[in-house]
Amino acid sequence: MEKAPATSAALVRRTLRRQRRPLAASLVIIGLWQVCEAMVPVMIGVVVDRAVATGDPLAFVLWGGATALLFVVLGLSFRFGARIVLRTRTVEMHRIRSEISSHVLAPAGARTGRPVGEVLSLATTDAETVSNVLRQVVFAVAALLGLTVSTVILVTIDPVLALVVLVGVPLVLAGTQLLAPRLARRSTVQLEAVGDATGVATDLVRGLRPLQGIGGQDAALAGYRRRSRAAADAAVDSARSEGLLVGVANGLSGLFLAVVALLAGLRAAQGEIGVGELIAVVGLAQFFAEPIRMATDLIADLARSRAAAGRVVELLAAPPLAEDGALAAAGTGPPALDLDDVTTGPLRGLSLHVAPGRLTAVVLDDPAAAACLLALLRGERRPEAGAVRLDGTPLTDLGVGDRAARLLVDDHGTDLFEGTLRTNVDPAGRLESDRLAVVLESSAATDVAELDPAGVDRPISADGTDLSGGQRQRLALARALAADPPGLVLHDPTTAVDAVTEQRIAAGLAALRTGRTTLVLTTSPALLDVADEVAHVADGRVVARGRHTDLLTDPAATAYAEAVLR
């Protein structure tokens, strides 16, 4: 696999390197277009001198035909050259997006620290902005080629005018280049602000129903407005810098063109150049405005591309969430899961044995301890002391793929995708209809399907925004059960459902997971009641263990009763 670039400049260089062949073809064709553009005023001057001034009909036809041919080549070269540039940009943009997606969605994950919406912005807007460097290089080289050809023509017409051009063009470009760093800084701020606003907007849409349920939508909307205003201010600031750059460039180029036209007129009045040459010089002076303007725009575009490339590089440099070991899983049946005197974060000497093929429930008083335990079971953290073992092998020593095949850790958060209920529960399409029905019944998700005439083929919007929190939670549980892993870890799978549905889920989970290793982090009495064993964790260690009903009546486990009945 190709190593991710370490800097924004390295990413830009890699973009140019891996698209070098189509880039070279487009350079030739777009370069031809720019040369033809430069030749238009020259051809008009030749027609005036050799056909109009002489009154020769044959010369008029010949040079008129040559002019027509010039315009045909000009039009076709731009059409096909621009087509290659567009295709090349699209291919590179797709490759960058795929790289971002592969990095974020890798089995080991990526510790980006960015909200989902901002990652989406990076994979779309920023990837497109980076790929624009291909267009920038092609048209920048074409502009320089056009300027070179025009300068050579001017030298043949009048060396004095050519000298003015050779001095004036670099001064104009240097004047505009001085403002490029400022624009790059403003572009970076703008992209960061837009990404932040996009992330907040995405999270707001995802959590709109729960927010409405607790009356928090106004506060969330106010937070989004603040970020949206910051993004708008940053965009205005960036546009102001770009406007200053364009204004300075147009002013300098206009002044330069006026000087060239004035000198050419004086030389023609003195008889040192002819009428056709005067037309060619003035036309070339006007033509100079296009490459100069093009170069100016490309400087601004390149500043934005560098800023976007820096953000993409930062994301690609994010370390993996989970450690990827080198060992293969040894077991084939239901796995045994052991935590031996684990100390890390809020966990202090936690020892827990999850027996193979059994349903074990854990009650944790501290939400931070639950989050820490899940991170350990996902392989995202190594214990400071002690060990977490799967079938006797340290969990982080196992390869991510082997670990995932033996143990599925299903977080409390619910992620649903645009599609149907069936594709959300069974993305790979492996389940027969009868098995799918059992899974839906076990997770109490049958009700979700029955609410729509399409049943399991009912449409589901992105992130399930058209479903209630309880419905999304049941579909997420159904997906975990549909995977049917040998080992399954669930975190509070029934917090958004009513008591009756909770009882159904508990019974269905116990029945469907018979003979499979299951660990549930919960305080739900219904789930605790069907567990083969319950462990109560307080102050980072197990303080009580046994059956749910026994612990409720055990005088030494009063803290357990308080934890599950409050």
Protein backbone atom coordinates (compact mmCIF):
# COMPACT_ATOMS: atom_id res chain seq x y z
CA MET A 1 0.00 0.00 0.00
CA GLU A 2 1.30 3.46 -0.93
CA LYS A 3 2.58 5.43 2.03
CA ALA A 4 0.52 8.49 2.93
CA PRO A 5 2.25 11.83 2.19
CA ALA A 6 3.74 13.59 5.21
CA THR A 7 3.18 17.18 4.09
CA SER A 8 0.77 19.15 1.92
CA ALA A 9 3.54 19.71 -0.64
CA ALA A 10 4.21 15.96 -0.75
CA LEU A 11 0.52 15.28 -1.38
CA VAL A 12 0.48 17.79 -4.24
CA ARG A 13 3.66 16.26 -5.73
CA ARG A 14 2.17 12.77 -5.48
CA THR A 15 -0.98 13.95 -7.22
CA LEU A 16 1.08 15.27 -10.12
CA ARG A 17 3.31 12.19 -10.23
CA ARG A 18 0.62 9.53 -10.42
CA GLN A 19 -1.33 11.46 -13.08
CA ARG A 20 1.77 12.33 -15.10
CA ARG A 21 0.75 10.59 -18.34
CA PRO A 22 -2.67 12.20 -18.86
CA LEU A 23 -1.17 15.38 -17.42
CA ALA A 24 1.50 15.38 -20.15
CA ALA A 25 -1.13 14.82 -22.86
CA SER A 26 -3.29 17.65 -21.57
CA LEU A 27 -0.24 19.92 -21.33
CA VAL A 28 0.49 19.39 -25.03
CA ILE A 29 -3.11 19.93 -26.17
CA ILE A 30 -3.91 22.87 -23.88
CA GLY A 31 -0.51 24.34 -24.76
CA LEU A 32 -1.50 24.14 -28.43
CA TRP A 33 -4.72 25.98 -27.60
CA GLN A 34 -2.85 28.77 -25.87
CA VAL A 35 -0.40 29.10 -28.80
CA CYS A 36 -3.37 29.37 -31.16
CA GLU A 37 -4.84 32.06 -28.93
CA ALA A 38 -1.59 33.99 -29.18
CA MET A 39 -1.56 33.60 -32.96
CA VAL A 40 -5.03 35.12 -33.48
CA PRO A 41 -3.94 38.81 -33.39
CA VAL A 42 -0.87 37.93 -35.46
CA MET A 43 -3.04 36.25 -38.09
CA ILE A 44 -5.38 39.26 -38.18
CA GLY A 45 -2.37 41.54 -38.74
CA VAL A 46 -1.11 39.31 -41.54
CA VAL A 47 -4.55 39.35 -43.24
CA VAL A 48 -4.59 43.16 -43.06
CA ASP A 49 -1.05 43.54 -44.45
CA ARG A 50 -1.13 40.83 -47.14
CA ALA A 51 -4.76 40.69 -48.20
CA VAL A 52 -6.75 43.78 -47.20
CA ALA A 53 -3.99 46.32 -47.86
CA THR A 54 -2.99 44.71 -51.18
CA GLY A 55 -6.55 44.05 -52.36
CA ASP A 56 -5.48 40.62 -53.68
CA PRO A 57 -8.58 38.32 -53.71
CA LEU A 58 -6.47 35.15 -53.83
CA ALA A 59 -4.40 36.26 -50.84
CA PHE A 60 -7.61 37.13 -49.01
CA VAL A 61 -9.02 33.65 -49.63
CA LEU A 62 -5.78 31.92 -48.62
CA TRP A 63 -5.20 33.91 -45.45
CA GLY A 64 -8.91 33.81 -44.63
CA GLY A 65 -8.79 30.02 -44.89
CA ALA A 66 -5.67 29.94 -42.72
CA THR A 67 -7.49 32.04 -40.12
CA ALA A 68 -10.46 29.70 -40.19
CA LEU A 69 -8.18 26.68 -39.77
CA LEU A 70 -6.49 28.42 -36.83
CA PHE A 71 -9.85 28.84 -35.10
CA VAL A 72 -10.78 25.20 -35.77
CA VAL A 73 -7.54 24.00 -34.17
CA LEU A 74 -8.02 26.48 -31.32
CA GLY A 75 -11.54 25.24 -30.54
CA LEU A 76 -10.79 21.53 -30.83
CA SER A 77 -7.58 21.70 -28.82
CA PHE A 78 -9.34 23.42 -25.93
CA ARG A 79 -12.26 21.00 -26.07
CA PHE A 80 -10.20 17.83 -25.99
CA GLY A 81 -7.52 19.22 -23.69
CA ALA A 82 -10.09 20.38 -21.15
CA ARG A 83 -11.79 17.00 -21.37
CA ILE A 84 -8.56 15.22 -20.43
CA VAL A 85 -7.99 17.67 -17.57
CA LEU A 86 -11.51 17.12 -16.24
CA ARG A 87 -11.20 13.35 -16.44
CA THR A 88 -7.79 13.39 -14.76
CA ARG A 89 -9.08 15.61 -11.96
CA THR A 90 -12.07 13.33 -11.44
CA VAL A 91 -9.90 10.20 -11.28
CA GLU A 92 -7.49 11.78 -8.80
CA MET A 93 -10.34 13.16 -6.70
CA HIS A 94 -11.83 9.66 -6.51
CA ARG A 95 -8.47 8.20 -5.47
CA ILE A 96 -8.04 10.75 -2.68
CA ARG A 97 -11.60 10.16 -1.49
CA SER A 98 -11.03 6.41 -1.55
CA GLU A 99 -7.82 6.86 0.43
CA ILE A 100 -9.60 8.92 3.06
CA SER A 101 -12.48 6.43 3.22
CA SER A 102 -10.11 3.45 3.47
CA HIS A 103 -8.16 5.12 6.25
CA VAL A 104 -11.23 6.03 8.29
CA LEU A 105 -13.10 2.76 7.63
CA ALA A 106 -10.09 0.45 8.06
CA PRO A 107 -10.66 -2.46 10.48
CA ALA A 108 -8.35 -0.73 12.97
CA GLY A 109 -10.17 2.58 12.52
CA ALA A 110 -8.58 6.04 12.69
CA ARG A 111 -8.24 8.24 15.77
CA THR A 112 -9.15 11.48 13.97
CA GLY A 113 -10.90 13.35 16.76
CA ARG A 114 -13.09 14.94 14.08
CA PRO A 115 -16.91 14.77 13.89
CA VAL A 116 -18.45 12.68 11.12
CA GLY A 117 -19.59 15.74 9.17
CA GLU A 118 -16.10 17.21 9.07
CA VAL A 119 -14.62 13.94 7.83
CA LEU A 120 -17.31 13.96 5.13
CA SER A 121 -16.28 17.51 4.20
CA LEU A 122 -12.65 16.39 3.91
CA ALA A 123 -13.59 13.46 1.68
CA THR A 124 -15.64 15.68 -0.64
CA THR A 125 -14.77 19.38 -0.71
CA ASP A 126 -11.13 19.10 0.33
CA ALA A 127 -10.43 16.12 -1.95
CA GLU A 128 -11.87 18.05 -4.88
CA THR A 129 -9.83 21.14 -3.99
CA VAL A 130 -6.60 19.13 -3.86
CA SER A 131 -7.27 17.52 -7.24
CA ASN A 132 -7.69 21.00 -8.75
CA VAL A 133 -3.91 21.30 -8.71
CA LEU A 134 -3.89 19.25 -11.93
CA ARG A 135 -5.91 21.90 -13.73
CA GLN A 136 -3.78 24.62 -12.15
CA VAL A 137 -0.53 23.14 -13.45
CA VAL A 138 -1.86 22.52 -16.96
CA PHE A 139 -3.24 26.00 -17.42
CA ALA A 140 -0.28 27.66 -15.70
CA VAL A 141 2.14 25.97 -18.11
CA ALA A 142 -0.16 26.84 -21.03
CA ALA A 143 -0.24 30.47 -19.89
CA LEU A 144 3.55 30.61 -19.70
CA LEU A 145 3.79 29.01 -23.15
CA GLY A 146 1.39 31.58 -24.56
CA LEU A 147 3.39 34.39 -23.00
CA THR A 148 6.61 32.93 -24.41
CA VAL A 149 5.23 32.61 -27.94
CA SER A 150 3.81 36.13 -27.77
CA THR A 151 7.13 37.50 -26.56
CA VAL A 152 9.01 35.79 -29.41
CA ILE A 153 6.59 37.27 -31.92
CA LEU A 154 7.02 40.70 -30.36
CA VAL A 155 10.80 40.37 -30.62
CA THR A 156 10.49 39.76 -34.37
CA ILE A 157 8.20 42.79 -34.72
CA ASP A 158 9.98 45.23 -32.40
CA PRO A 159 12.74 44.40 -29.87
CA VAL A 160 11.97 47.51 -27.81
CA LEU A 161 8.36 46.42 -27.24
CA ALA A 162 9.56 42.90 -26.50
CA LEU A 163 11.92 44.26 -23.84
CA VAL A 164 9.06 46.15 -22.20
CA VAL A 165 7.03 42.94 -22.12
CA LEU A 166 9.88 40.84 -20.73
CA VAL A 167 10.34 43.30 -17.88
CA GLY A 168 6.66 44.04 -17.27
CA VAL A 169 5.21 40.52 -17.11
CA PRO A 170 7.51 39.27 -14.30
CA LEU A 171 6.80 42.47 -12.31
CA VAL A 172 3.04 41.92 -12.59
CA LEU A 173 3.33 38.26 -11.55
CA ALA A 174 5.68 39.12 -8.68
CA GLY A 175 3.26 41.76 -7.42
CA THR A 176 0.38 39.29 -7.32
CA GLN A 177 2.52 36.50 -5.81
CA LEU A 178 3.21 38.66 -2.74
CA LEU A 179 -0.44 38.30 -1.72
CA ALA A 180 -0.61 34.49 -2.17
CA PRO A 181 0.58 33.52 1.37
CA ARG A 182 -2.12 35.68 2.91
CA LEU A 183 -4.77 34.01 0.77
CA ALA A 184 -3.45 30.56 1.71
CA ARG A 185 -3.83 31.37 5.42
CA ARG A 186 -7.34 32.71 4.95
CA SER A 187 -8.28 29.65 2.86
CA THR A 188 -7.10 27.31 5.62
CA VAL A 189 -9.20 29.15 8.20
CA GLN A 190 -12.20 29.07 5.87
CA LEU A 191 -11.91 25.32 5.23
CA GLU A 192 -11.56 24.60 8.95
CA ALA A 193 -14.60 26.72 9.77
CA VAL A 194 -16.71 25.16 7.01
CA GLY A 195 -15.67 21.66 8.13
CA ASP A 196 -16.59 22.48 11.73
CA ALA A 197 -20.00 23.84 10.70
CA THR A 198 -20.64 20.81 8.49
CA GLY A 199 -19.77 18.48 11.35
CA VAL A 200 -22.11 20.27 13.76
CA ALA A 201 -24.89 20.27 11.15
CA THR A 202 -24.49 16.53 10.58
CA ASP A 203 -24.55 15.79 14.31
CA LEU A 204 -27.58 18.06 14.71
CA VAL A 205 -29.53 16.18 12.06
CA ARG A 206 -28.52 12.82 13.55
CA GLY A 207 -29.65 13.81 17.03
CA LEU A 208 -32.68 15.93 16.16
CA ARG A 209 -35.30 13.53 17.52
CA PRO A 210 -33.59 13.02 20.91
CA LEU A 211 -32.98 16.77 21.15
CA GLN A 212 -36.66 17.46 20.50
CA GLY A 213 -37.53 14.92 23.14
CA ILE A 214 -35.62 16.84 25.83
CA GLY A 215 -36.37 20.30 24.44
CA GLY A 216 -32.74 20.95 23.53
CA GLN A 217 -33.20 21.75 19.84
CA ASP A 218 -33.07 25.54 20.37
CA ALA A 219 -29.74 25.40 22.23
CA ALA A 220 -28.28 23.05 19.58
CA LEU A 221 -29.53 25.31 16.79
CA ALA A 222 -27.95 28.33 18.49
CA GLY A 223 -24.62 26.48 18.61
CA TYR A 224 -24.89 25.68 14.91
CA ARG A 225 -25.71 29.30 14.11
CA ARG A 226 -22.55 30.45 15.86
CA ARG A 227 -20.41 28.03 13.88
CA SER A 228 -22.23 28.84 10.65
CA ARG A 229 -21.62 32.54 11.24
CA ALA A 230 -17.94 31.85 11.91
CA ALA A 231 -17.75 29.90 8.63
CA ALA A 232 -19.49 32.73 6.77
CA ASP A 233 -17.12 35.32 8.27
CA ALA A 234 -14.13 33.18 7.31
CA ALA A 235 -15.50 32.83 3.76
CA VAL A 236 -15.95 36.60 3.49
CA ASP A 237 -12.43 37.15 4.83
CA SER A 238 -11.02 34.68 2.30
CA ALA A 239 -13.04 36.27 -0.51
CA ARG A 240 -11.77 39.69 0.55
CA SER A 241 -8.18 38.48 0.25
CA GLU A 242 -8.91 36.87 -3.10
CA GLY A 243 -10.61 40.05 -4.29
CA LEU A 244 -7.58 42.07 -3.27
CA LEU A 245 -5.34 39.66 -5.18
CA VAL A 246 -7.50 39.83 -8.31
CA GLY A 247 -7.86 43.59 -8.03
CA VAL A 248 -4.12 44.16 -7.75
CA ALA A 249 -3.50 41.76 -10.63
CA ASN A 250 -6.06 43.44 -12.89
CA GLY A 251 -4.78 46.87 -12.00
CA LEU A 252 -1.16 45.99 -12.69
CA SER A 253 -1.97 44.13 -15.90
CA GLY A 254 -4.19 47.00 -17.10
CA LEU A 255 -1.42 49.50 -16.49
CA PHE A 256 1.07 47.24 -18.23
CA LEU A 257 -1.21 46.82 -21.27
CA ALA A 258 -1.75 50.58 -21.50
CA VAL A 259 2.01 51.16 -21.57
CA VAL A 260 2.51 48.54 -24.30
CA ALA A 261 -0.32 49.93 -26.44
CA LEU A 262 0.96 53.49 -26.04
CA LEU A 263 4.49 52.54 -27.08
CA ALA A 264 3.21 50.53 -30.05
CA GLY A 265 1.12 53.47 -31.22
CA LEU A 266 4.08 55.81 -31.00
CA ARG A 267 6.28 53.37 -32.96
CA ALA A 268 3.59 53.05 -35.67
CA ALA A 269 3.22 56.84 -35.89
CA GLN A 270 6.96 57.08 -36.42
CA GLY A 271 6.75 54.50 -39.24
CA GLU A 272 8.91 51.95 -37.45
CA ILE A 273 6.18 49.27 -37.62
CA GLY A 274 3.38 48.77 -40.13
CA VAL A 275 -0.39 48.84 -39.68
CA GLY A 276 -0.67 45.07 -39.56
CA GLU A 277 2.17 44.90 -37.05
CA LEU A 278 0.46 47.58 -34.95
CA ILE A 279 -2.72 45.48 -34.93
CA ALA A 280 -0.66 42.41 -33.98
CA VAL A 281 1.12 44.25 -31.16
CA VAL A 282 -2.08 45.73 -29.72
CA GLY A 283 -3.81 42.38 -30.07
CA LEU A 284 -0.93 40.60 -28.36
CA ALA A 285 -0.96 43.22 -25.61
CA GLN A 286 -4.64 42.47 -25.04
CA PHE A 287 -3.90 38.76 -25.23
CA PHE A 288 -1.29 39.17 -22.50
CA ALA A 289 -4.13 40.02 -20.10
CA GLU A 290 -5.57 36.50 -20.41
CA PRO A 291 -2.43 34.51 -19.41
CA ILE A 292 -1.66 37.03 -16.68
CA ARG A 293 -5.23 36.79 -15.34
CA MET A 294 -5.05 33.01 -15.67
CA ALA A 295 -1.78 32.89 -13.75
CA THR A 296 -3.27 35.12 -11.04
CA ASP A 297 -6.34 32.91 -10.66
CA LEU A 298 -4.13 29.85 -10.56
CA ILE A 299 -2.04 31.35 -7.76
CA ALA A 300 -5.24 31.76 -5.73
CA ASP A 301 -6.39 28.24 -6.63
CA LEU A 302 -3.02 26.78 -5.69
CA ALA A 303 -3.20 28.48 -2.29
CA ARG A 304 -6.56 26.80 -1.68
CA SER A 305 -5.28 23.45 -2.89
CA ARG A 306 -2.29 23.63 -0.54
CA ALA A 307 -4.58 24.48 2.37
CA ALA A 308 -6.91 21.56 1.57
CA ALA A 309 -3.93 19.23 1.10
CA GLY A 310 -2.71 20.12 4.58
CA ARG A 311 -6.05 19.09 6.09
CA VAL A 312 -6.13 15.83 4.12
CA VAL A 313 -2.56 14.99 5.18
CA GLU A 314 -3.46 15.65 8.81
CA LEU A 315 -6.38 13.23 8.57
CA LEU A 316 -4.33 10.54 6.82
CA ALA A 317 -1.70 10.84 9.56
CA ALA A 318 -4.26 10.00 12.26
CA PRO A 319 -3.11 6.85 14.11
CA PRO A 320 -5.30 3.72 14.17
CA LEU A 321 -7.92 3.39 16.87
CA ALA A 322 -7.18 -0.26 17.58
CA GLU A 323 -3.86 -2.04 17.75
CA ASP A 324 -3.21 -4.66 15.08
CA GLY A 325 -1.27 -7.61 16.42
CA ALA A 326 0.50 -10.36 14.52
CA LEU A 327 -1.06 -13.45 16.08
CA ALA A 328 -3.97 -15.46 14.70
CA ALA A 329 -6.92 -16.48 16.86
CA ALA A 330 -6.47 -19.99 18.23
CA GLY A 331 -10.04 -21.02 19.07
CA THR A 332 -12.92 -21.93 16.79
CA GLY A 333 -15.87 -22.30 19.16
CA PRO A 334 -17.34 -19.79 21.60
CA PRO A 335 -14.42 -17.77 22.98
CA ALA A 336 -13.43 -17.26 26.59
CA LEU A 337 -12.83 -13.66 27.62
CA ASP A 338 -10.72 -12.84 30.65
CA LEU A 339 -9.66 -9.64 32.35
CA ASP A 340 -6.87 -10.38 34.82
CA ASP A 341 -6.25 -7.69 37.44
CA VAL A 342 -6.64 -4.94 34.83
CA THR A 343 -5.70 -1.42 35.85
CA THR A 344 -6.20 1.47 33.44
CA GLY A 345 -8.16 4.70 33.71
CA PRO A 346 -11.00 4.25 36.23
CA LEU A 347 -10.49 0.46 36.34
CA ARG A 348 -8.48 -0.62 39.39
CA GLY A 349 -7.59 -4.30 39.49
CA LEU A 350 -10.59 -5.53 37.53
CA SER A 351 -10.72 -9.32 37.22
CA LEU A 352 -13.57 -10.81 35.22
CA HIS A 353 -14.11 -14.18 33.56
CA VAL A 354 -16.66 -14.46 30.76
CA ALA A 355 -17.23 -18.17 30.30
CA PRO A 356 -17.49 -19.62 26.78
CA GLY A 357 -21.06 -20.07 25.58
CA ARG A 358 -22.56 -18.14 28.51
CA LEU A 359 -24.44 -14.85 28.83
CA THR A 360 -22.65 -12.62 31.32
CA ALA A 361 -23.92 -9.22 32.42
CA VAL A 362 -21.85 -6.47 34.01
CA VAL A 363 -23.26 -3.58 36.04
CA LEU A 364 -20.88 -0.60 36.23
CA ASP A 365 -21.55 2.34 38.50
CA ASP A 366 -19.27 4.67 36.55
CA PRO A 367 -19.99 5.45 32.84
CA ALA A 368 -16.28 6.26 32.39
CA ALA A 369 -15.43 2.75 33.57
CA ALA A 370 -17.83 1.34 30.96
CA ALA A 371 -16.21 3.42 28.21
CA CYS A 372 -12.75 2.29 29.34
CA LEU A 373 -13.80 -1.36 29.40
CA LEU A 374 -15.22 -1.13 25.88
CA ALA A 375 -12.03 0.52 24.62
CA LEU A 376 -10.03 -2.37 26.10
CA LEU A 377 -12.31 -4.96 24.50
CA ARG A 378 -12.06 -3.22 21.12
CA GLY A 379 -8.28 -3.29 21.36
CA GLU A 380 -8.12 0.50 21.34
CA ARG A 381 -6.26 0.63 24.66
CA ARG A 382 -3.66 -1.47 26.37
CA PRO A 383 -4.07 -1.94 30.11
CA GLU A 384 -1.53 -0.13 32.26
CA ALA A 385 -1.33 -3.31 34.33
CA GLY A 386 -2.86 -6.75 34.02
CA ALA A 387 -4.08 -8.32 30.78
CA VAL A 388 -7.17 -8.72 28.61
CA ARG A 389 -7.19 -12.15 26.99
CA LEU A 390 -9.30 -13.79 24.32
CA ASP A 391 -8.96 -17.58 24.43
CA GLY A 392 -5.84 -17.08 26.54
CA THR A 393 -4.09 -14.74 24.08
CA PRO A 394 -3.61 -11.04 24.89
CA LEU A 395 -6.28 -9.22 22.91
CA THR A 396 -3.97 -6.60 21.36
CA ASP A 397 -1.58 -9.33 20.16
CA LEU A 398 -4.26 -10.64 17.81
CA GLY A 399 -4.70 -9.28 14.30
CA VAL A 400 -7.63 -6.92 13.88
CA GLY A 401 -9.36 -9.26 11.44
CA ASP A 402 -8.96 -12.32 13.65
CA ARG A 403 -10.10 -10.39 16.68
CA ALA A 404 -13.18 -9.05 14.90
CA ALA A 405 -14.07 -12.52 13.64
CA ARG A 406 -14.06 -13.87 17.20
CA LEU A 407 -15.41 -10.93 19.15
CA LEU A 408 -17.83 -8.21 18.02
CA VAL A 409 -18.06 -5.16 20.27
CA ASP A 410 -21.33 -3.32 19.56
CA ASP A 411 -21.27 0.17 21.01
CA HIS A 412 -24.22 2.04 22.47
CA GLY A 413 -24.18 4.52 19.58
CA THR A 414 -26.41 3.69 16.62
CA ASP A 415 -25.21 4.09 13.04
CA LEU A 416 -27.71 3.36 10.30
CA PHE A 417 -27.24 3.83 6.57
CA GLU A 418 -29.42 4.95 3.72
CA GLY A 419 -31.07 1.90 2.20
CA THR A 420 -33.70 -0.49 3.51
CA LEU A 421 -34.35 -2.17 6.81
CA ARG A 422 -33.02 -5.40 5.33
CA THR A 423 -29.75 -3.88 4.11
CA ASN A 424 -29.19 -2.20 7.47
CA VAL A 425 -29.69 -5.40 9.43
CA ASP A 426 -27.98 -7.70 6.93
CA PRO A 427 -25.60 -5.53 4.82
CA ALA A 428 -23.92 -8.54 3.21
CA GLY A 429 -27.25 -10.16 2.27
CA ARG A 430 -26.26 -13.50 3.84
CA LEU A 431 -29.44 -14.26 5.79
CA GLU A 432 -32.33 -16.32 4.51
CA SER A 433 -35.77 -14.85 5.09
CA ASP A 434 -36.52 -17.27 7.95
CA ARG A 435 -33.29 -16.44 9.76
CA LEU A 436 -33.85 -12.72 9.25
CA ALA A 437 -37.31 -13.05 10.76
CA VAL A 438 -35.84 -14.77 13.85
CA VAL A 439 -33.25 -12.01 14.25
CA LEU A 440 -35.90 -9.29 13.97
CA GLU A 441 -38.12 -11.05 16.48
CA SER A 442 -35.26 -11.53 18.94
CA SER A 443 -34.42 -7.81 18.82
CA ALA A 444 -38.10 -6.72 18.85
CA ALA A 445 -37.47 -5.08 15.50
CA THR A 446 -40.38 -6.89 13.86
CA ASP A 447 -42.57 -3.97 14.92
CA VAL A 448 -40.39 -1.57 12.94
CA ALA A 449 -40.85 -3.64 9.80
CA GLU A 450 -44.60 -4.06 10.30
CA LEU A 451 -45.18 -0.30 10.48
CA ASP A 452 -44.53 -0.03 6.74
CA PRO A 453 -46.29 -1.93 3.90
CA ALA A 454 -42.86 -2.71 2.42
CA GLY A 455 -41.91 -4.69 5.55
CA VAL A 456 -38.20 -5.50 5.68
CA ASP A 457 -37.77 -3.58 2.42
CA ARG A 458 -39.02 -0.31 3.91
CA PRO A 459 -36.68 2.60 3.10
CA ILE A 460 -34.36 3.87 5.82
CA SER A 461 -32.87 7.34 5.57
CA ALA A 462 -29.23 8.11 6.30
CA ASP A 463 -28.59 7.53 10.02
CA GLY A 464 -32.23 6.56 10.45
CA THR A 465 -33.43 10.13 10.94
CA ASP A 466 -36.98 9.02 10.10
CA LEU A 467 -36.98 6.54 13.00
CA SER A 468 -37.36 7.00 16.73
CA GLY A 469 -34.45 6.40 19.08
CA GLY A 470 -35.94 3.08 20.19
CA GLN A 471 -36.44 1.92 16.61
CA ARG A 472 -32.85 2.78 15.69
CA GLN A 473 -31.59 0.97 18.77
CA ARG A 474 -33.53 -2.17 17.91
CA LEU A 475 -32.22 -2.19 14.33
CA ALA A 476 -28.67 -1.78 15.60
CA LEU A 477 -29.16 -4.73 17.97
CA ALA A 478 -30.68 -6.76 15.12
CA ARG A 479 -27.60 -6.07 13.00
CA ALA A 480 -25.31 -7.27 15.78
CA LEU A 481 -27.36 -10.43 16.25
CA ALA A 482 -27.52 -11.02 12.48
CA ALA A 483 -23.70 -11.11 12.38
CA ASP A 484 -23.88 -14.09 14.78
CA PRO A 485 -20.29 -13.74 16.06
CA PRO A 486 -18.87 -16.38 18.43
CA GLY A 487 -18.35 -13.61 20.99
CA LEU A 488 -20.55 -10.52 21.33
CA VAL A 489 -20.27 -7.48 23.61
CA LEU A 490 -23.33 -5.22 23.94
CA HIS A 491 -23.49 -1.87 25.71
CA ASP A 492 -26.90 -0.78 27.03
CA PRO A 493 -28.89 -2.21 24.11
CA THR A 494 -32.33 -1.39 25.59
CA THR A 495 -32.07 2.12 27.06
CA ALA A 496 -34.45 3.65 24.47
CA VAL A 497 -37.26 1.08 24.61
CA ASP A 498 -40.19 0.58 26.96
CA ALA A 499 -40.33 -2.09 29.68
CA VAL A 500 -42.49 -4.51 27.69
CA THR A 501 -40.18 -4.33 24.65
CA GLU A 502 -37.21 -4.71 26.97
CA GLN A 503 -38.61 -8.00 28.27
CA ARG A 504 -39.08 -9.25 24.68
CA ILE A 505 -35.51 -8.31 23.79
CA ALA A 506 -34.11 -9.98 26.88
CA ALA A 507 -35.92 -13.24 26.14
CA GLY A 508 -35.00 -13.13 22.45
CA LEU A 509 -31.34 -12.33 23.15
CA ALA A 510 -30.99 -15.21 25.63
CA ALA A 511 -32.61 -17.66 23.22
CA LEU A 512 -30.72 -16.57 20.10
CA ARG A 513 -27.32 -16.41 21.81
CA THR A 514 -27.59 -19.84 23.43
CA GLY A 515 -24.20 -21.53 23.09
CA ARG A 516 -22.50 -18.25 22.16
CA THR A 517 -20.33 -16.08 24.41
CA THR A 518 -22.17 -12.85 25.23
CA LEU A 519 -21.19 -9.98 27.50
CA VAL A 520 -23.77 -7.25 28.19
CA LEU A 521 -22.96 -4.00 29.99
CA THR A 522 -26.33 -2.96 31.41
CA THR A 523 -28.44 -2.06 34.42
CA SER A 524 -31.64 -3.37 32.79
CA PRO A 525 -33.40 -5.76 35.24
CA ALA A 526 -34.84 -7.69 32.27
CA LEU A 527 -31.42 -8.38 30.77
CA LEU A 528 -29.83 -9.04 34.16
CA ASP A 529 -32.54 -11.58 34.93
CA VAL A 530 -31.75 -13.74 31.85
CA ALA A 531 -27.96 -13.58 32.36
CA ASP A 532 -26.17 -16.75 33.48
CA GLU A 533 -23.97 -14.61 35.70
CA VAL A 534 -23.90 -10.97 36.77
CA ALA A 535 -20.86 -9.03 37.96
CA HIS A 536 -21.15 -5.72 39.79
CA VAL A 537 -18.22 -3.37 39.22
CA ALA A 538 -17.70 -0.47 41.62
CA ASP A 539 -14.60 1.65 42.12
CA GLY A 540 -13.02 -0.11 39.16
CA ARG A 541 -13.22 -3.70 40.48
CA VAL A 542 -15.74 -6.53 40.85
CA VAL A 543 -17.45 -6.25 44.23
CA ALA A 544 -20.21 -8.82 43.76
CA ARG A 545 -20.92 -11.76 41.47
CA GLY A 546 -23.77 -14.21 41.06
CA ARG A 547 -27.27 -14.58 39.63
CA HIS A 548 -29.39 -11.43 39.47
CA THR A 549 -32.08 -12.71 41.84
CA ASP A 550 -29.49 -13.94 44.33
CA LEU A 551 -27.65 -10.62 44.36
CA LEU A 552 -30.85 -8.71 44.97
CA THR A 553 -31.46 -10.68 48.17
CA ASP A 554 -27.83 -10.91 49.30
CA PRO A 555 -27.29 -8.64 52.37
CA ALA A 556 -23.66 -8.22 51.36
CA ALA A 557 -24.67 -6.86 47.91
CA THR A 558 -26.92 -3.96 48.87
CA ALA A 559 -24.92 -1.66 46.57
CA TYR A 560 -25.91 -3.89 43.65
CA ALA A 561 -29.61 -3.58 44.43
CA GLU A 562 -29.26 0.18 44.67
CA ALA A 563 -27.44 0.32 41.32
CA VAL A 564 -30.10 -1.64 39.37
CA LEU A 565 -33.25 -0.46 41.12
CA ARG A 566 -32.64 3.27 41.32
